[in-house]
Protein backbone atom coordinates (compact mmCIF):
# COMPACT_ATOMS: atom_id res chain seq x y z
CA MET A 1 24.86 230.53 119.23
CA ILE A 2 21.10 231.65 119.60
CA LYS A 3 18.59 229.10 119.81
CA LYS A 4 14.61 229.74 119.25
CA ILE A 5 12.06 228.38 121.27
CA SER A 6 8.88 228.83 118.66
CA ALA A 7 4.97 228.21 119.33
CA PHE A 8 5.49 228.49 123.35
CA ALA A 9 1.95 228.29 123.61
CA ALA A 10 0.39 229.28 127.83
CA ALA A 11 -2.56 228.57 128.75
CA LEU A 12 -4.72 230.28 131.37
CA ALA A 13 -7.51 228.29 132.65
CA LEU A 14 -10.33 230.86 133.69
CA THR A 15 -13.26 228.21 134.11
CA ALA A 16 -13.53 230.00 137.62
CA SER A 17 -13.36 233.67 136.39
CA ALA A 18 -17.29 234.00 136.29
CA VAL A 19 -18.19 233.71 140.09
CA SER A 20 -14.37 234.51 141.12
CA VAL A 21 -15.17 238.34 141.60
CA LEU A 22 -19.09 238.38 142.27
CA PRO A 23 -20.42 239.36 145.09
CA VAL A 24 -22.89 236.82 146.78
CA ALA A 25 -26.03 237.91 147.91
CA GLY A 26 -26.91 234.64 150.12
CA GLU A 27 -30.53 233.04 150.10
CA ALA A 28 -33.19 234.21 147.06
CA ASN A 29 -36.50 233.58 146.91
CA VAL A 30 -36.07 232.77 143.28
CA THR A 31 -39.07 231.58 140.83
CA THR A 32 -38.90 231.08 137.38
CA ALA A 33 -41.75 231.05 134.48
CA SER A 34 -41.65 229.13 131.46
CA ALA A 35 -43.80 229.03 128.40
CA ALA A 36 -42.84 225.36 127.63
CA GLU A 37 -44.23 224.09 131.27
CA ASN A 38 -47.34 226.40 131.01
CA THR A 39 -49.66 225.76 128.33
CA ALA A 40 -51.94 228.27 129.20
CA LEU A 41 -49.99 231.70 129.94
CA PRO A 42 -51.18 233.56 133.12
CA ARG A 43 -53.37 236.77 133.03
CA LYS A 44 -50.50 239.09 134.13
CA LEU A 45 -46.42 238.62 134.88
CA ASP A 46 -43.63 240.93 135.74
CA LEU A 47 -41.07 240.34 135.46
CA THR A 48 -39.46 243.39 138.08
CA THR A 49 -40.21 241.62 141.03
CA SER A 50 -37.67 238.73 140.54
CA PRO A 51 -34.23 239.19 142.35
CA PHE A 52 -32.82 238.79 138.79
CA PHE A 53 -34.07 241.95 137.90
CA PRO A 54 -31.32 244.88 138.58
CA ASP A 55 -32.73 248.38 140.35
CA ILE A 56 -33.83 250.60 137.93
CA GLU A 57 -31.50 253.50 137.06
CA GLY A 58 -31.26 256.25 134.22
CA GLN A 59 -28.84 256.56 131.18
CA ASN A 60 -25.91 258.23 130.47
CA TYR A 61 -25.90 260.46 127.48
CA ASN A 62 -27.55 258.49 124.06
CA SER A 63 -26.99 254.80 125.54
CA CYS A 64 -30.46 253.55 125.90
CA GLY A 65 -29.52 250.71 123.01
CA ALA A 66 -26.82 249.62 125.70
CA PHE A 67 -28.25 250.77 129.12
CA SER A 68 -31.59 248.24 128.26
CA THR A 69 -29.36 245.33 126.99
CA THR A 70 -26.91 245.48 129.25
CA TRP A 71 -27.44 246.90 132.64
CA TYR A 72 -31.58 245.74 132.43
CA GLN A 73 -31.58 242.36 130.29
CA PHE A 74 -27.93 241.33 130.48
CA THR A 75 -28.19 241.52 133.88
CA TYR A 76 -31.02 239.36 134.45
CA GLU A 77 -29.92 236.54 132.27
CA ALA A 78 -26.44 236.67 133.76
CA ARG A 79 -27.99 235.93 137.60
CA LYS A 80 -30.29 233.51 136.06
CA ALA A 81 -27.08 231.83 134.69
CA LEU A 82 -25.25 231.66 138.03
CA TYR A 83 -28.49 230.78 140.17
CA ASN A 84 -29.23 227.73 138.02
CA LYS A 85 -25.58 226.62 138.08
CA TYR A 86 -24.49 227.55 141.53
CA ASN A 87 -28.01 227.31 143.53
CA GLN A 88 -26.46 230.77 144.35
CA TYR A 89 -28.03 234.35 143.99
CA PHE A 90 -24.93 236.55 143.11
CA ASP A 91 -25.86 240.43 143.17
CA VAL A 92 -23.67 241.56 140.24
CA THR A 93 -24.60 244.48 137.67
CA TYR A 94 -23.62 244.62 134.42
CA SER A 95 -22.08 248.17 132.89
CA PRO A 96 -23.44 249.96 130.05
CA ALA A 97 -20.00 251.42 129.73
CA SER A 98 -18.29 248.26 128.91
CA THR A 99 -20.49 247.91 125.77
CA TYR A 100 -21.70 251.69 124.80
CA ASP A 101 -17.77 253.42 125.23
CA LEU A 102 -15.88 250.38 123.15
CA LEU A 103 -18.87 250.36 120.76
CA ASN A 104 -19.85 254.40 119.98
CA CYS A 105 -16.75 254.66 117.79
CA GLY A 106 -16.37 258.07 120.34
CA PHE A 107 -19.54 259.38 119.34
CA ASP A 108 -22.17 259.82 121.63
CA ARG A 109 -24.42 258.83 118.75
CA GLY A 110 -26.36 255.59 120.36
CA VAL A 111 -25.77 252.30 119.40
CA LEU A 112 -28.01 249.48 117.97
CA PRO A 113 -28.96 246.13 120.36
CA ASP A 114 -27.55 243.53 117.55
CA SER A 115 -24.02 245.25 118.02
CA VAL A 116 -24.31 244.67 121.41
CA TYR A 117 -25.44 241.16 121.71
CA ASP A 118 -22.78 240.74 118.96
CA PHE A 119 -19.90 242.18 121.51
CA LEU A 120 -21.19 240.16 124.49
CA LYS A 121 -21.14 236.71 122.79
CA GLU A 122 -17.54 237.97 122.16
CA ASN A 123 -16.26 239.66 125.10
CA GLY A 124 -18.84 239.87 127.73
CA ALA A 125 -19.64 242.60 129.83
CA LEU A 126 -17.48 243.65 133.13
CA THR A 127 -19.86 244.60 135.71
CA VAL A 128 -20.09 248.04 137.80
CA GLU A 129 -17.88 247.04 140.22
CA GLN A 130 -14.78 246.47 137.91
CA PHE A 131 -15.85 249.36 135.48
CA ALA A 132 -18.02 251.98 136.59
CA TYR A 133 -20.81 253.68 134.91
CA TYR A 134 -21.32 256.43 137.56
CA ASP A 135 -18.93 258.96 139.45
CA ASP A 136 -18.99 259.02 143.53
CA TYR A 137 -22.01 261.22 143.42
CA HIS A 138 -23.96 259.01 140.91
CA ARG A 139 -22.78 261.28 137.88
CA ALA A 140 -22.60 260.76 133.97
CA LEU A 141 -18.93 259.56 133.06
CA SER A 142 -17.15 259.80 130.06
CA PHE A 143 -18.55 258.62 127.11
CA ARG A 144 -15.36 257.61 126.05
CA ASN A 145 -13.69 255.79 128.74
CA ILE A 146 -11.77 252.31 127.69
CA PRO A 147 -11.54 249.61 129.85
CA LYS A 148 -7.79 248.60 129.78
CA ASP A 149 -7.55 245.81 132.86
CA ALA A 150 -6.19 243.15 130.85
CA ALA A 151 -7.42 240.34 134.06
CA GLU A 152 -10.52 242.19 134.39
CA LEU A 153 -11.49 241.66 130.61
CA CYS A 154 -10.54 238.22 130.79
CA LYS A 155 -12.93 237.37 133.65
CA ALA A 156 -15.79 239.30 131.53
CA LEU A 157 -14.85 236.37 129.11
CA GLY A 158 -16.35 233.62 132.04
CA VAL A 159 -20.17 234.94 131.39
CA ARG A 160 -21.63 235.59 127.45
CA VAL A 161 -24.19 235.76 125.27
CA GLU A 162 -25.10 232.06 124.09
CA ASN A 163 -28.10 233.13 122.11
CA VAL A 164 -30.04 235.80 120.62
CA ASN A 165 -33.50 235.29 120.17
CA ASP A 166 -35.54 237.27 117.97
CA LYS A 167 -38.87 237.63 116.65
CA SER A 168 -40.90 240.84 114.87
CA PHE A 169 -44.44 241.57 113.81
CA ASN A 170 -45.87 244.07 111.47
CA CYS A 171 -48.28 246.33 113.26
CA ALA A 172 -50.21 247.89 110.15
CA SER A 173 -53.07 245.12 110.70
CA ALA A 174 -54.85 244.30 113.45
CA SER A 175 -54.21 240.81 112.78
CA GLY A 176 -50.43 241.10 112.53
CA THR A 177 -50.30 243.01 116.20
CA LYS A 178 -52.29 240.66 117.68
CA ARG A 179 -49.59 237.95 117.16
CA GLY A 180 -47.24 240.22 118.33
CA ILE A 181 -48.61 240.82 121.40
CA GLN A 182 -49.24 236.99 121.93
CA LEU A 183 -45.54 236.42 121.09
CA ILE A 184 -44.38 239.06 123.67
CA LYS A 185 -46.17 237.45 126.28
CA GLU A 186 -44.58 234.00 125.45
CA MET A 187 -41.60 235.12 125.56
CA LEU A 188 -42.06 236.60 128.87
CA ASN A 189 -43.00 233.95 130.17
CA ASN A 190 -39.82 232.20 129.40
CA ASP A 191 -38.55 233.90 132.22
CA SER A 192 -36.74 237.08 130.35
CA PRO A 193 -37.02 240.71 129.87
CA VAL A 194 -37.62 241.75 125.85
CA VAL A 195 -35.98 244.55 124.26
CA THR A 196 -37.84 246.81 121.95
CA VAL A 197 -37.64 250.22 120.69
CA GLY A 198 -40.46 252.60 119.80
CA ASP A 199 -40.38 255.76 117.90
CA PHE A 200 -42.24 258.36 119.99
CA TRP A 201 -40.67 259.97 122.98
CA TYR A 202 -41.84 259.65 126.19
CA SER A 203 -40.76 262.70 128.12
CA ASP A 204 -42.42 264.46 126.10
CA TYR A 205 -45.76 263.93 127.79
CA VAL A 206 -44.42 263.37 131.10
CA TYR A 207 -42.37 265.77 132.87
CA LYS A 208 -41.55 266.79 136.23
CA SER A 209 -43.89 269.52 138.12
CA GLU A 210 -41.94 270.76 141.56
CA ASN A 211 -41.66 267.04 143.28
CA LYS A 212 -43.74 264.76 140.94
CA PHE A 213 -44.35 263.49 138.04
CA GLU A 214 -47.38 264.90 135.81
CA VAL A 215 -49.36 264.25 132.37
CA LYS A 216 -48.29 267.29 130.19
CA PRO A 217 -51.74 269.08 129.27
CA GLU A 218 -51.63 268.64 125.69
CA ALA A 219 -51.43 264.86 126.03
CA LYS A 220 -54.22 264.01 128.73
CA SER A 221 -56.44 263.06 126.46
CA TRP A 222 -53.95 260.01 125.29
CA VAL A 223 -51.88 259.81 128.97
CA LYS A 224 -53.84 258.85 131.38
CA THR A 225 -53.09 258.20 134.99
CA LYS A 226 -54.14 255.44 137.85
CA THR A 227 -53.24 254.97 141.21
CA ASN A 228 -52.41 251.25 141.66
CA SER A 229 -53.07 249.04 145.12
CA ASN A 230 -49.59 250.86 146.23
CA GLY A 231 -51.44 254.35 146.17
CA GLU A 232 -48.73 255.07 143.76
CA GLU A 233 -49.83 256.74 140.18
CA GLU A 234 -49.11 255.11 137.83
CA PHE A 235 -48.76 256.61 133.71
CA VAL A 236 -50.46 254.71 131.09
CA PHE A 237 -50.22 255.52 127.14
CA THR A 238 -53.43 254.72 125.52
CA GLN A 239 -51.82 255.82 121.86
CA ALA A 240 -47.74 256.56 120.89
CA LEU A 241 -48.17 259.72 119.35
CA MET A 242 -44.81 261.64 118.00
CA LYS A 243 -45.19 265.48 117.56
CA LYS A 244 -44.99 266.64 114.02
CA TYR A 245 -43.23 270.07 114.64
CA LYS A 246 -40.41 271.07 116.79
CA ASN A 247 -40.22 274.37 118.28
CA GLU A 248 -37.87 275.39 116.45
CA TYR A 249 -38.16 277.66 112.59
CA ASP A 250 -36.41 277.58 108.93
CA GLU A 251 -35.07 280.83 107.72
CA LYS A 252 -38.47 281.20 105.75
CA GLY A 253 -40.26 281.24 109.61
CA ASN A 254 -41.98 277.87 109.10
CA ARG A 255 -42.18 275.51 112.19
CA LYS A 256 -39.23 272.19 111.56
CA LYS A 257 -40.52 269.04 111.16
CA TYR A 258 -39.38 265.98 113.03
CA GLU A 259 -38.10 263.48 110.91
CA PHE A 260 -39.06 259.64 110.88
CA GLY A 261 -37.07 257.65 113.18
CA GLU A 262 -36.14 260.71 115.53
CA GLY A 263 -37.86 259.53 118.53
CA CYS A 264 -35.97 256.28 118.40
CA HIS A 265 -35.72 255.07 121.54
CA ALA A 266 -34.58 251.74 123.42
CA PHE A 267 -36.25 250.07 126.38
CA ASN A 268 -37.48 246.66 128.00
CA ILE A 269 -40.87 245.09 127.93
CA VAL A 270 -40.94 243.79 131.71
CA GLY A 271 -44.39 242.31 132.18
CA TYR A 272 -47.78 242.37 131.09
CA ASP A 273 -51.59 242.65 132.86
CA ASP A 274 -54.53 240.92 130.51
CA ASP A 275 -56.92 242.75 133.25
CA PHE A 276 -55.39 245.81 133.40
CA GLU A 277 -58.04 248.56 132.86
CA ILE A 278 -58.01 252.78 132.31
CA GLU A 279 -61.20 255.01 131.73
CA LEU A 280 -60.58 257.24 128.85
CA ASP A 281 -62.28 260.40 128.47
CA ASP A 282 -65.48 259.04 126.80
CA HIS A 283 -65.83 256.55 129.44
CA THR A 284 -64.75 253.78 127.21
CA VAL A 285 -62.36 251.52 129.08
CA MET A 286 -59.63 249.98 127.56
CA LYS A 287 -58.34 246.41 128.81
CA GLY A 288 -54.34 244.90 128.63
CA ALA A 289 -51.64 246.52 128.83
CA PHE A 290 -47.32 246.00 128.87
CA LYS A 291 -45.49 247.01 131.22
CA ILE A 292 -42.35 248.98 130.25
CA ALA A 293 -38.87 249.65 132.48
CA ASN A 294 -37.57 253.01 130.71
CA SER A 295 -34.22 253.92 131.37
CA TRP A 296 -34.32 257.53 133.12
CA GLY A 297 -33.94 256.68 136.87
CA SER A 298 -36.17 255.29 139.49
CA GLU A 299 -37.72 258.76 140.25
CA TRP A 300 -38.79 259.03 136.21
CA ALA A 301 -43.10 258.38 136.05
CA ASN A 302 -43.78 255.48 138.65
CA THR A 303 -40.58 254.37 139.79
CA GLY A 304 -39.11 254.11 136.08
CA CYS A 305 -41.99 252.59 134.64
CA ILE A 306 -44.82 252.92 132.39
CA TRP A 307 -47.77 251.01 131.08
CA ILE A 308 -48.57 251.30 127.47
CA MET A 309 -52.05 249.30 126.77
CA TYR A 310 -52.35 246.79 123.72
CA ASP A 311 -54.51 248.94 121.38
CA ALA A 312 -51.09 251.11 121.26
CA LEU A 313 -49.09 248.46 119.79
CA ASN A 314 -51.45 249.10 116.01
CA LEU A 315 -50.79 251.14 113.78
CA ASN A 316 -54.32 252.45 113.53
CA SER A 317 -56.53 252.22 116.84
CA ALA A 318 -58.59 248.52 116.59
CA GLN A 319 -60.75 250.80 119.24
CA GLY A 320 -61.39 253.84 117.25
CA LEU A 321 -59.32 256.35 119.13
CA THR A 322 -58.78 259.34 117.54
CA TYR A 323 -56.11 262.24 117.94
CA ASP A 324 -54.92 265.83 116.38
CA SER A 325 -53.16 264.68 113.12
CA GLU A 326 -52.63 268.17 112.66
CA ASN A 327 -49.76 268.34 114.89
CA TYR A 328 -49.23 264.59 115.99
CA VAL A 329 -48.50 261.20 113.70
CA ARG A 330 -49.57 258.07 115.45
CA TYR A 331 -47.03 255.42 115.55
CA GLY A 332 -47.18 251.54 116.64
CA ALA A 333 -46.09 251.98 120.57
CA PHE A 334 -42.89 249.29 119.54
CA GLU A 335 -42.77 250.45 115.65
CA TRP A 336 -38.80 250.81 114.49
CA ALA A 337 -38.69 253.69 112.13
CA GLY A 338 -38.02 252.80 108.22
CA GLN A 339 -38.76 249.37 108.40
CA ASP A 340 -42.43 249.37 106.99
CA HIS A 341 -44.04 249.37 110.52
CA ASN A 342 -42.39 245.86 111.70
CA CYS A 343 -41.71 245.91 115.10
CA PHE A 344 -38.72 243.45 116.78
CA LEU A 345 -38.42 241.92 119.78
CA TYR A 346 -35.38 240.23 121.26
CA THR A 347 -34.42 238.17 124.15
CA ILE A 348 -31.27 236.84 125.34
CA GLU A 349 -29.70 233.95 126.99
CA ALA A 350 -26.17 234.12 128.85
CA GLY A 351 -24.44 231.23 129.58
CA LEU A 352 -20.82 229.85 131.69
CA PRO A 353 -18.47 229.26 128.80
CA ASP A 354 -15.17 227.31 130.03
CA VAL A 355 -12.63 229.47 129.16
CA LYS A 356 -9.13 229.24 128.15
CA LEU A 357 -6.53 232.21 127.40
CA VAL A 358 -4.08 231.19 124.91
CA SER A 359 -0.94 233.14 124.16
CA GLU A 360 1.78 231.93 121.73
CA ALA A 361 5.52 233.93 122.03
CA ASP A 362 8.52 233.92 119.73
CA ILE A 363 11.68 233.04 122.76
CA MET A 364 14.94 234.22 121.76
CA SER A 365 17.23 232.81 124.06
CA THR A 366 21.25 231.21 124.08
CA ASN A 367 20.37 229.70 127.27
CA TYR A 368 16.97 227.24 126.03
CA TYR A 369 17.59 224.77 128.85
CA GLY A 370 17.70 227.55 131.75
CA LEU A 371 14.94 229.00 129.87
CA ASN A 372 12.04 229.76 132.49
CA VAL A 373 8.71 231.71 131.54
CA GLU A 374 6.08 232.94 134.00
CA THR A 375 2.60 233.23 132.86
CA LYS A 376 -0.32 234.74 135.06
CA ASP A 377 -3.88 232.83 136.13
CA PHE A 378 -5.78 235.58 136.35
CA ALA A 379 -8.82 233.41 137.86
CA ALA A 380 -6.83 232.24 140.89
CA ASN A 381 -4.52 235.29 140.86
CA LYS A 382 -1.60 233.59 140.59
CA MET A 383 1.82 233.20 138.67
CA ARG A 384 2.97 229.85 137.12
CA SER A 385 6.31 229.30 135.77
CA LEU A 386 7.40 226.86 132.87
CA ASN A 387 10.85 225.88 132.07
CA TYR A 388 12.14 224.63 128.85
CA HIS A 389 11.08 220.62 129.58
CA ASP A 390 7.08 222.07 129.95
CA VAL A 391 7.21 223.00 126.81
CA ASP A 392 6.63 220.38 123.71
CA SER A 393 7.78 221.84 121.27
CA GLU A 394 11.91 221.26 120.06
CA PRO A 395 14.01 224.42 119.94
CA ASP A 396 15.50 225.24 116.54
């Protein structure tokens, strides 16, 4: 007679899996900033100087939404969570391929930050050692690679997003933008990079000429450069302008227009400086700027970063800056297309949840007293053997 052992549950303890495969970098000089602990915000802050911040790198394909959230933001928060729990710095970077490739439905069409956060809450992400983002020659891999290693996917559950903190402001008024500037500074002072979206293309105005990046001639009235204390040239955007027309023509010979939102790009706000100054052509001095970490590689602009002046966040310049309205449209620098001039800001908190992966199986056997079932503990990389007497359920 065939006997059936039903609802056999095998629990795999993965509590330690979050750190079982992470490279340890040893001692690190770690300092954190908290707005809750300091009622008066500092006049400047730069999160790229933190050991939690990963190397500046370049996105593959249209993966800016996944890159800004996974490579920069989730890596930063995961390193911070690991350090806070173990008092040890872990040199780990998370692969945007492990989120983008699973969210893009097989098409290179980009993903929203919200979608990535939902994914990271449920699944975590694989490190670049577990699931590569570049090949051995630092070239892009396919955006259709799907991670299939069950053991690695289980380990990814050990570090996940616990909370998403989203804020917004409206840039159509100076008061709304002023509130937004304060919000961003507070979020940064909670020791968290801020992800946002802008609807203009930086690459239209900053380009590589021979061995260095330069400002295109037509943009020099609003994209400025200055030399910092390290002798490096920094690129500064005083306005967020989008071209009206493409270098394409319709069947009637008219130039095609850019549609609202075609310049949509996700990036990270990583710092600010209230005393940052730039001089305009009329010798007017603008003051105060946010530091942006982009995803176009460390060679782009100033080691992958640019500055955006506070006034550029306004839909209409509070300082009375003008522009060529025949050929350009001004946006708020952090404005998201089609959202009535609302600007969205995101920070996250990562945690190290205790994880047990439970599987259930129906096992048919004529010899249930001699039945032996083996499961694998991926965290300890060991096999676990269970016989009938370890199972609580009675056979049918």
